[in-house]
Every structure is written in C-alpha cells, then in structure tokens.
Amino acid sequence: MSNLFLLEIVTPERQVYNGPVEQIICQCENGQIGVLKGHIPMITTLAEGDLKIKEDGGWKTLFIYDGFMEVTGDKATIFTQNIE
C-alpha cells in the first residue's frame, strides 16, 4: 500500500508544486505540524518559515511566507503569497 499523498502549492501567480509526497512539515501559527497520508481534514494558517517536503526518500526545504493549508483526505494544498 502506498504511503504517498498529493501536495499542491499555489501562489497568486502560478502553481509552484503538484505531485506525490511522503510527508510534509510546516510552520503553523502555534508550532510545527507534520502531515502524512490519511491525516485528518483541517484548515490552518501557516507562519513564515521552512516547509520540509519528503519525496523519494529524501528531504527538500523551501521557505514559505504566510499562507493557509487545507488537508482533505489524501491531498494537502498550500496557498501562499510567495515561496522560495
């Protein structure tokens, strides 16, 4: 059984990322949160900080500015003004 879920990252200008991932860790207003496949549905605000993405067994880190994240079933969508 696959442990992957879909991650989509969207800014006002473009879709930055759309693909399967194993895990994400991001900075919320009240601390860090990790998301795996099957996470409970939620909407949360994101604080400025690192967004860690685990794919193909390795980690990559992006810097995200304030935004929102919606988790539904096997998908997480991040809406942000800018990401580096």
C-alpha atoms as a PDB file:
ATOM      1  CA  MET A   1       0.000   0.000   0.000  1.00  0.00           C
ATOM      2  CA  SER A   2       1.336   3.419  -0.968  1.00  0.00           C
ATOM      3  CA  ASN A   3       2.129   5.965   1.723  1.00  0.00           C
ATOM      4  CA  LEU A   4       2.028   8.873  -0.753  1.00  0.00           C
ATOM      5  CA  PHE A   5      -0.413  11.773  -0.847  1.00  0.00           C
ATOM      6  CA  LEU A   6      -0.782  14.708  -3.223  1.00  0.00           C
ATOM      7  CA  LEU A   7       0.788  18.075  -2.365  1.00  0.00           C
ATOM      8  CA  GLU A   8      -0.180  21.197  -4.264  1.00  0.00           C
ATOM      9  CA  ILE A   9       1.446  24.590  -3.613  1.00  0.00           C
ATOM     10  CA  VAL A  10      -0.221  27.626  -5.160  1.00  0.00           C
ATOM     11  CA  THR A  11       0.714  31.326  -5.260  1.00  0.00           C
ATOM     12  CA  PRO A  12      -1.357  34.097  -6.884  1.00  0.00           C
ATOM     13  CA  GLU A  13       0.923  33.904  -9.934  1.00  0.00           C
ATOM     14  CA  ARG A  14       1.274  30.153 -10.505  1.00  0.00           C
ATOM     15  CA  GLN A  15       1.134  26.581  -9.302  1.00  0.00           C
ATOM     16  CA  VAL A  16       4.551  26.001  -7.729  1.00  0.00           C
ATOM     17  CA  TYR A  17       4.279  22.281  -6.972  1.00  0.00           C
ATOM     18  CA  ASN A  18       1.874  19.453  -7.750  1.00  0.00           C
ATOM     19  CA  GLY A  19       2.954  15.905  -7.034  1.00  0.00           C
ATOM     20  CA  PRO A  20       3.052  12.939  -4.683  1.00  0.00           C
ATOM     21  CA  VAL A  21       4.982  13.225  -1.411  1.00  0.00           C
ATOM     22  CA  GLU A  22       5.593  11.026   1.632  1.00  0.00           C
ATOM     23  CA  GLN A  23       5.419  13.727   4.306  1.00  0.00           C
ATOM     24  CA  ILE A  24       5.474  17.491   4.837  1.00  0.00           C
ATOM     25  CA  ILE A  25       6.453  19.520   7.886  1.00  0.00           C
ATOM     26  CA  CYS A  26       5.499  23.189   8.045  1.00  0.00           C
ATOM     27  CA  GLN A  27       5.374  26.073  10.487  1.00  0.00           C
ATOM     28  CA  CYS A  28       1.893  26.984  11.745  1.00  0.00           C
ATOM     29  CA  GLU A  29       0.966  29.892  13.999  1.00  0.00           C
ATOM     30  CA  ASN A  30       1.209  27.652  17.107  1.00  0.00           C
ATOM     31  CA  GLY A  31       4.191  25.473  16.155  1.00  0.00           C
ATOM     32  CA  GLN A  32       5.180  22.895  13.586  1.00  0.00           C
ATOM     33  CA  ILE A  33       2.839  20.346  12.058  1.00  0.00           C
ATOM     34  CA  GLY A  34       3.622  17.179  10.164  1.00  0.00           C
ATOM     35  CA  VAL A  35       1.278  15.709   7.590  1.00  0.00           C
ATOM     36  CA  LEU A  36       1.243  12.101   6.414  1.00  0.00           C
ATOM     37  CA  LYS A  37      -1.206  10.229   4.182  1.00  0.00           C
ATOM     38  CA  GLY A  38      -4.543   9.843   5.956  1.00  0.00           C
ATOM     39  CA  HIS A  39      -4.190  12.988   8.112  1.00  0.00           C
ATOM     40  CA  ILE A  40      -7.486  14.263   9.493  1.00  0.00           C
ATOM     41  CA  PRO A  41      -9.109  17.004   7.385  1.00  0.00           C
ATOM     42  CA  MET A  42      -8.188  20.511   8.536  1.00  0.00           C
ATOM     43  CA  ILE A  43      -7.536  24.098   7.541  1.00  0.00           C
ATOM     44  CA  THR A  44      -4.775  26.026   9.279  1.00  0.00           C
ATOM     45  CA  THR A  45      -2.848  29.259   8.918  1.00  0.00           C
ATOM     46  CA  LEU A  46       0.837  28.998   8.109  1.00  0.00           C
ATOM     47  CA  ALA A  47       3.556  31.183   9.568  1.00  0.00           C
ATOM     48  CA  GLU A  48       6.702  32.296   7.796  1.00  0.00           C
ATOM     49  CA  GLY A  49       9.300  29.539   7.914  1.00  0.00           C
ATOM     50  CA  ASP A  50      10.624  26.343   6.391  1.00  0.00           C
ATOM     51  CA  LEU A  51       8.431  23.894   4.515  1.00  0.00           C
ATOM     52  CA  LYS A  52      10.080  20.467   4.514  1.00  0.00           C
ATOM     53  CA  ILE A  53       8.951  18.024   1.828  1.00  0.00           C
ATOM     54  CA  LYS A  54       9.857  14.334   1.872  1.00  0.00           C
ATOM     55  CA  GLU A  55       9.725  12.697  -1.553  1.00  0.00           C
ATOM     56  CA  ASP A  56      11.545   9.684  -2.954  1.00  0.00           C
ATOM     57  CA  GLY A  57      13.050   9.043   0.493  1.00  0.00           C
ATOM     58  CA  GLY A  58      14.831  12.413   0.639  1.00  0.00           C
ATOM     59  CA  TRP A  59      14.016  15.823   2.088  1.00  0.00           C
ATOM     60  CA  LYS A  60      13.990  19.208   0.408  1.00  0.00           C
ATOM     61  CA  THR A  61      13.344  22.519   2.117  1.00  0.00           C
ATOM     62  CA  LEU A  62      11.550  25.581   0.785  1.00  0.00           C
ATOM     63  CA  PHE A  63      10.931  28.888   2.550  1.00  0.00           C
ATOM     64  CA  ILE A  64       7.267  29.804   2.751  1.00  0.00           C
ATOM     65  CA  TYR A  65       5.709  33.111   3.612  1.00  0.00           C
ATOM     66  CA  ASP A  66       2.394  33.443   5.449  1.00  0.00           C
ATOM     67  CA  GLY A  67      -0.459  31.443   3.992  1.00  0.00           C
ATOM     68  CA  PHE A  68      -3.024  28.723   4.549  1.00  0.00           C
ATOM     69  CA  MET A  69      -3.036  24.950   4.254  1.00  0.00           C
ATOM     70  CA  GLU A  70      -6.030  22.724   3.596  1.00  0.00           C
ATOM     71  CA  VAL A  71      -5.741  18.976   4.199  1.00  0.00           C
ATOM     72  CA  THR A  72      -8.520  16.763   2.816  1.00  0.00           C
ATOM     73  CA  GLY A  73      -8.225  13.007   2.588  1.00  0.00           C
ATOM     74  CA  ASP A  74      -5.106  12.231   0.575  1.00  0.00           C
ATOM     75  CA  LYS A  75      -4.307  15.807  -0.508  1.00  0.00           C
ATOM     76  CA  ALA A  76      -2.706  18.884   1.067  1.00  0.00           C
ATOM     77  CA  THR A  77      -2.999  22.269  -0.619  1.00  0.00           C
ATOM     78  CA  ILE A  78      -0.866  25.225   0.441  1.00  0.00           C
ATOM     79  CA  PHE A  79      -1.883  28.744  -0.566  1.00  0.00           C
ATOM     80  CA  THR A  80       0.829  31.380  -0.058  1.00  0.00           C
ATOM     81  CA  GLN A  81       1.830  34.785  -1.403  1.00  0.00           C
ATOM     82  CA  ASN A  82       5.389  33.659  -2.081  1.00  0.00           C
ATOM     83  CA  ILE A  83       7.707  30.670  -1.694  1.00  0.00           C
ATOM     84  CA  GLU A  84      11.425  30.266  -2.284  1.00  0.00           C
END
